[in-house]
């Protein structure tokens, strides 16, 4: 009876732990140079204007690469289409060119 209880308890822990660690973000910290891993995206990720000058971010879902900010938009969309979670991720948008500052006429 005790073995059955331990088996059920341990399998329930594994079942509950898997969804928590499903999506992992990886990037190189520009200040320390170390590789960072997190289950939340860095603040600049998915910001099309900031992504050009920020560290490359890779997104893994159950050991499968589903997004990589260092790739072109077409390659990123192909990665998502091949993954099991791709249809649940937010849509990618083409980066917008930086807007030129408009001069205010002086009176």
N, C-alpha and C. Protein backbone atom coordinates (compact mmCIF):
# COMPACT_ATOMS: atom_id res chain seq x y z
N UNK A 1 0.82 -1.20 0.00
CA UNK A 1 0.00 0.00 0.00
C UNK A 1 0.86 1.27 0.00
N UNK A 2 1.95 1.21 0.77
CA UNK A 2 2.83 2.36 0.85
C UNK A 2 3.50 2.63 -0.50
N UNK A 3 3.91 1.56 -1.22
CA UNK A 3 4.53 1.73 -2.53
C UNK A 3 3.55 2.35 -3.53
N UNK A 4 2.30 1.94 -3.47
CA UNK A 4 1.28 2.49 -4.36
C UNK A 4 1.10 3.99 -4.10
N UNK A 5 1.05 4.35 -2.84
CA UNK A 5 0.89 5.76 -2.47
C UNK A 5 2.08 6.59 -2.97
N UNK A 6 3.29 6.08 -2.80
CA UNK A 6 4.49 6.80 -3.24
C UNK A 6 4.49 6.92 -4.76
N UNK A 7 4.10 5.88 -5.46
CA UNK A 7 4.06 5.92 -6.92
C UNK A 7 3.05 6.95 -7.41
N UNK A 8 1.88 6.96 -6.83
CA UNK A 8 0.84 7.93 -7.22
C UNK A 8 1.29 9.34 -6.90
N UNK A 9 1.87 9.54 -5.75
CA UNK A 9 2.33 10.87 -5.33
C UNK A 9 3.43 11.38 -6.25
N UNK A 10 4.42 10.54 -6.54
CA UNK A 10 5.53 10.99 -7.40
C UNK A 10 5.06 11.25 -8.83
N UNK A 11 4.16 10.43 -9.36
CA UNK A 11 3.68 10.67 -10.72
C UNK A 11 2.83 11.94 -10.79
N UNK A 12 2.13 12.27 -9.72
CA UNK A 12 1.35 13.51 -9.72
C UNK A 12 2.26 14.73 -9.69
N UNK A 13 3.40 14.64 -9.01
CA UNK A 13 4.36 15.75 -9.00
C UNK A 13 4.92 15.99 -10.40
N UNK A 14 5.25 14.92 -11.11
CA UNK A 14 5.76 15.07 -12.47
C UNK A 14 4.70 15.64 -13.40
N UNK A 15 3.49 15.22 -13.24
CA UNK A 15 2.40 15.72 -14.07
C UNK A 15 2.16 17.20 -13.84
N UNK A 16 2.26 17.65 -12.62
CA UNK A 16 2.05 19.06 -12.31
C UNK A 16 3.25 19.92 -12.69
N UNK A 17 4.44 19.37 -12.66
CA UNK A 17 5.65 20.15 -12.92
C UNK A 17 5.89 20.38 -14.40
N UNK A 18 5.45 19.51 -15.27
CA UNK A 18 5.73 19.63 -16.70
C UNK A 18 5.18 20.92 -17.31
N UNK A 19 3.92 21.30 -17.11
CA UNK A 19 3.44 22.53 -17.75
C UNK A 19 4.13 23.79 -17.26
N UNK A 20 4.65 23.79 -16.07
CA UNK A 20 5.29 24.98 -15.52
C UNK A 20 6.57 25.29 -16.28
N UNK A 21 7.30 24.28 -16.70
CA UNK A 21 8.59 24.47 -17.33
C UNK A 21 8.52 24.28 -18.84
N UNK A 22 7.39 24.44 -19.44
CA UNK A 22 7.23 24.14 -20.86
C UNK A 22 7.90 25.16 -21.76
N UNK A 23 7.73 26.44 -21.50
CA UNK A 23 8.26 27.47 -22.38
C UNK A 23 9.44 28.15 -21.71
N UNK A 24 10.58 28.18 -22.39
CA UNK A 24 11.80 28.76 -21.83
C UNK A 24 12.36 29.78 -22.81
N UNK A 25 12.74 30.94 -22.29
CA UNK A 25 13.36 32.00 -23.08
C UNK A 25 14.85 32.00 -22.76
N UNK A 26 15.68 32.13 -23.79
CA UNK A 26 17.13 32.14 -23.61
C UNK A 26 17.71 33.37 -24.30
N UNK A 27 18.60 34.09 -23.62
CA UNK A 27 19.29 35.22 -24.22
C UNK A 27 20.58 35.47 -23.47
N UNK A 28 21.47 36.23 -24.08
CA UNK A 28 22.74 36.58 -23.44
C UNK A 28 22.58 37.94 -22.80
N UNK A 29 22.84 38.02 -21.51
CA UNK A 29 22.72 39.28 -20.76
C UNK A 29 23.81 40.24 -21.23
N UNK A 30 23.42 41.42 -21.75
CA UNK A 30 24.42 42.35 -22.28
C UNK A 30 25.35 42.92 -21.20
N UNK A 31 24.90 42.97 -19.96
CA UNK A 31 25.72 43.56 -18.89
C UNK A 31 26.76 42.58 -18.36
N UNK A 32 26.38 41.33 -18.20
CA UNK A 32 27.30 40.35 -17.61
C UNK A 32 27.89 39.41 -18.64
N UNK A 33 27.27 39.27 -19.80
CA UNK A 33 27.74 38.36 -20.83
C UNK A 33 27.34 36.91 -20.58
N UNK A 34 26.59 36.66 -19.52
CA UNK A 34 26.17 35.30 -19.22
C UNK A 34 24.86 34.97 -19.93
N UNK A 35 24.64 33.69 -20.16
CA UNK A 35 23.41 33.24 -20.79
C UNK A 35 22.32 33.16 -19.75
N UNK A 36 21.18 33.74 -20.05
CA UNK A 36 20.05 33.76 -19.11
C UNK A 36 18.95 32.85 -19.63
N UNK A 37 18.27 32.17 -18.71
CA UNK A 37 17.11 31.35 -19.01
C UNK A 37 15.98 31.81 -18.11
N UNK A 38 14.78 31.90 -18.67
CA UNK A 38 13.64 32.33 -17.87
C UNK A 38 12.35 31.77 -18.47
N UNK A 39 11.32 31.68 -17.64
CA UNK A 39 10.02 31.27 -18.16
C UNK A 39 9.19 32.49 -18.54
N UNK A 40 9.76 33.69 -18.39
CA UNK A 40 9.11 34.92 -18.85
C UNK A 40 10.04 35.61 -19.84
N UNK A 41 9.45 36.24 -20.82
CA UNK A 41 10.22 36.91 -21.86
C UNK A 41 10.90 38.17 -21.32
N UNK A 42 12.08 38.51 -21.86
CA UNK A 42 12.69 39.78 -21.47
C UNK A 42 11.83 40.94 -21.96
N UNK A 43 12.00 42.09 -21.36
CA UNK A 43 11.12 43.23 -21.64
C UNK A 43 11.15 43.67 -23.10
N UNK A 44 12.25 43.51 -23.77
CA UNK A 44 12.35 43.98 -25.17
C UNK A 44 11.81 42.98 -26.18
N UNK A 45 11.57 41.74 -25.77
CA UNK A 45 11.13 40.72 -26.72
C UNK A 45 9.74 41.05 -27.23
N UNK A 46 9.50 40.88 -28.50
CA UNK A 46 8.26 41.18 -29.22
C UNK A 46 8.05 42.69 -29.43
N UNK A 47 9.06 43.49 -29.17
CA UNK A 47 9.01 44.91 -29.47
C UNK A 47 9.80 45.08 -30.76
N UNK A 48 9.10 45.23 -31.88
CA UNK A 48 9.75 45.21 -33.19
C UNK A 48 10.79 46.31 -33.36
N UNK A 49 10.63 47.43 -32.68
CA UNK A 49 11.61 48.50 -32.81
C UNK A 49 12.84 48.21 -31.95
N UNK A 50 12.67 47.64 -30.79
CA UNK A 50 13.78 47.38 -29.89
C UNK A 50 14.55 46.11 -30.25
N UNK A 51 13.91 45.14 -30.89
CA UNK A 51 14.54 43.86 -31.15
C UNK A 51 15.78 43.97 -32.03
N UNK A 52 15.88 44.99 -32.83
CA UNK A 52 17.03 45.11 -33.73
C UNK A 52 18.32 45.35 -32.99
N UNK A 53 18.26 46.06 -31.89
CA UNK A 53 19.48 46.43 -31.18
C UNK A 53 19.63 45.71 -29.84
N UNK A 54 18.87 44.66 -29.61
CA UNK A 54 18.92 43.94 -28.34
C UNK A 54 19.44 42.52 -28.56
N UNK A 55 19.80 41.84 -27.49
CA UNK A 55 20.31 40.47 -27.64
C UNK A 55 19.29 39.54 -28.28
N UNK A 56 19.80 38.56 -28.97
CA UNK A 56 18.98 37.54 -29.62
C UNK A 56 18.26 36.71 -28.56
N UNK A 57 16.97 36.47 -28.78
CA UNK A 57 16.18 35.67 -27.84
C UNK A 57 15.69 34.43 -28.56
N UNK A 58 15.90 33.28 -27.92
CA UNK A 58 15.39 32.02 -28.46
C UNK A 58 14.32 31.51 -27.50
N UNK A 59 13.23 31.00 -28.07
CA UNK A 59 12.13 30.47 -27.26
C UNK A 59 12.02 28.98 -27.53
N UNK A 60 12.09 28.20 -26.45
CA UNK A 60 11.99 26.74 -26.54
C UNK A 60 10.69 26.29 -25.88
N UNK A 61 10.08 25.30 -26.48
CA UNK A 61 8.88 24.69 -25.92
C UNK A 61 9.12 23.19 -25.91
N UNK A 62 9.27 22.62 -24.72
CA UNK A 62 9.59 21.19 -24.57
C UNK A 62 10.76 20.80 -25.45
N UNK A 63 11.88 21.45 -25.30
CA UNK A 63 13.13 21.16 -26.02
C UNK A 63 13.04 21.39 -27.52
N UNK A 64 12.04 22.06 -27.99
CA UNK A 64 11.88 22.34 -29.41
C UNK A 64 11.92 23.86 -29.61
N UNK A 65 12.78 24.33 -30.51
CA UNK A 65 12.87 25.76 -30.79
C UNK A 65 11.63 26.21 -31.53
N UNK A 66 10.90 27.20 -30.98
CA UNK A 66 9.68 27.68 -31.61
C UNK A 66 9.78 29.14 -32.06
N UNK A 67 10.80 29.86 -31.60
CA UNK A 67 10.98 31.25 -32.03
C UNK A 67 12.44 31.65 -31.80
N UNK A 68 12.94 32.52 -32.66
CA UNK A 68 14.32 32.99 -32.57
C UNK A 68 14.36 34.39 -33.17
N UNK A 69 14.61 35.38 -32.34
CA UNK A 69 14.57 36.77 -32.82
C UNK A 69 15.72 37.09 -33.76
N UNK A 70 16.70 36.19 -33.88
CA UNK A 70 17.82 36.41 -34.79
C UNK A 70 17.53 35.97 -36.22
N UNK A 71 16.39 35.36 -36.45
CA UNK A 71 16.03 34.89 -37.79
C UNK A 71 15.12 35.88 -38.48
N UNK A 72 14.95 35.69 -39.77
CA UNK A 72 14.04 36.56 -40.53
C UNK A 72 12.60 36.23 -40.14
N UNK A 73 11.70 37.11 -40.50
CA UNK A 73 10.29 36.93 -40.18
C UNK A 73 9.75 35.64 -40.78
N UNK A 74 10.13 35.34 -42.01
CA UNK A 74 9.65 34.13 -42.68
C UNK A 74 10.15 32.88 -41.97
N UNK A 75 11.43 32.89 -41.56
CA UNK A 75 11.99 31.74 -40.85
C UNK A 75 11.33 31.55 -39.48
N UNK A 76 11.04 32.65 -38.82
CA UNK A 76 10.38 32.57 -37.52
C UNK A 76 8.97 32.00 -37.66
N UNK A 77 8.26 32.42 -38.70
CA UNK A 77 6.91 31.90 -38.92
C UNK A 77 6.95 30.41 -39.27
N UNK A 78 7.97 29.99 -40.01
CA UNK A 78 8.11 28.57 -40.34
C UNK A 78 8.38 27.73 -39.09
N UNK A 79 9.21 28.25 -38.18
CA UNK A 79 9.47 27.55 -36.92
C UNK A 79 8.18 27.34 -36.15
N UNK A 80 7.38 28.39 -36.08
CA UNK A 80 6.11 28.31 -35.35
C UNK A 80 5.16 27.31 -35.99
N UNK A 81 5.11 27.31 -37.32
CA UNK A 81 4.20 26.41 -38.01
C UNK A 81 4.56 24.95 -37.78
N UNK A 82 5.85 24.67 -37.58
CA UNK A 82 6.31 23.30 -37.38
C UNK A 82 6.12 22.84 -35.93
N UNK A 83 5.93 23.77 -35.01
CA UNK A 83 5.86 23.40 -33.60
C UNK A 83 4.44 23.08 -33.17
N UNK A 84 4.34 22.34 -32.07
CA UNK A 84 3.03 21.97 -31.55
C UNK A 84 2.30 23.15 -30.93
N UNK A 85 3.02 24.15 -30.46
CA UNK A 85 2.39 25.29 -29.79
C UNK A 85 2.29 26.50 -30.71
N UNK A 86 2.81 26.42 -31.91
CA UNK A 86 2.86 27.58 -32.81
C UNK A 86 1.56 28.32 -32.99
N UNK A 87 0.47 27.61 -33.07
CA UNK A 87 -0.82 28.28 -33.31
C UNK A 87 -1.32 29.02 -32.07
N UNK A 88 -0.75 28.74 -30.90
CA UNK A 88 -1.17 29.41 -29.67
C UNK A 88 -0.31 30.62 -29.32
N UNK A 89 0.82 30.78 -30.01
CA UNK A 89 1.71 31.91 -29.74
C UNK A 89 1.14 33.17 -30.40
N UNK A 90 1.45 34.34 -29.84
CA UNK A 90 0.97 35.57 -30.46
C UNK A 90 1.53 35.73 -31.87
N UNK A 91 0.78 36.32 -32.77
CA UNK A 91 1.25 36.45 -34.16
C UNK A 91 2.47 37.36 -34.25
N UNK A 92 3.32 37.06 -35.21
CA UNK A 92 4.49 37.90 -35.45
C UNK A 92 4.10 39.05 -36.36
N UNK A 93 4.71 40.18 -36.14
CA UNK A 93 4.46 41.34 -36.99
C UNK A 93 5.78 41.77 -37.61
N UNK A 94 5.71 42.19 -38.84
CA UNK A 94 6.91 42.67 -39.51
C UNK A 94 7.41 43.92 -38.80
N UNK A 95 8.73 44.03 -38.62
CA UNK A 95 9.26 45.22 -37.95
C UNK A 95 8.95 46.48 -38.73
N UNK A 96 8.56 47.49 -38.01
CA UNK A 96 8.29 48.78 -38.65
C UNK A 96 9.57 49.60 -38.71
N UNK A 97 9.79 50.30 -39.81
CA UNK A 97 10.99 51.14 -39.87
C UNK A 97 10.87 52.29 -38.87
N UNK A 98 11.99 52.73 -38.31
CA UNK A 98 11.91 53.84 -37.37
C UNK A 98 11.38 55.09 -38.06
N UNK A 99 10.52 55.78 -37.37
CA UNK A 99 9.92 56.98 -37.95
C UNK A 99 10.86 58.16 -37.76
N UNK A 100 10.96 58.93 -38.82
CA UNK A 100 11.80 60.12 -38.76
C UNK A 100 11.11 61.18 -37.91
N UNK A 101 11.91 61.93 -37.19
CA UNK A 101 11.34 63.00 -36.36
C UNK A 101 10.80 64.08 -37.28
N UNK A 102 9.60 64.53 -36.97
CA UNK A 102 9.00 65.60 -37.78
C UNK A 102 9.36 66.92 -37.16
N UNK A 103 9.78 67.81 -38.01
CA UNK A 103 10.16 69.14 -37.53
C UNK A 103 8.92 69.98 -37.29
N UNK A 104 8.95 70.69 -36.20
CA UNK A 104 7.82 71.57 -35.86
C UNK A 104 8.17 72.95 -36.42
N UNK A 105 7.29 73.50 -37.28
CA UNK A 105 7.60 74.81 -37.86
C UNK A 105 7.62 75.89 -36.77
N UNK A 106 8.61 76.75 -36.89
CA UNK A 106 8.71 77.86 -35.93
C UNK A 106 7.91 79.03 -36.44
N UNK A 107 7.31 79.74 -35.50
CA UNK A 107 6.53 80.91 -35.90
C UNK A 107 7.29 82.18 -35.69
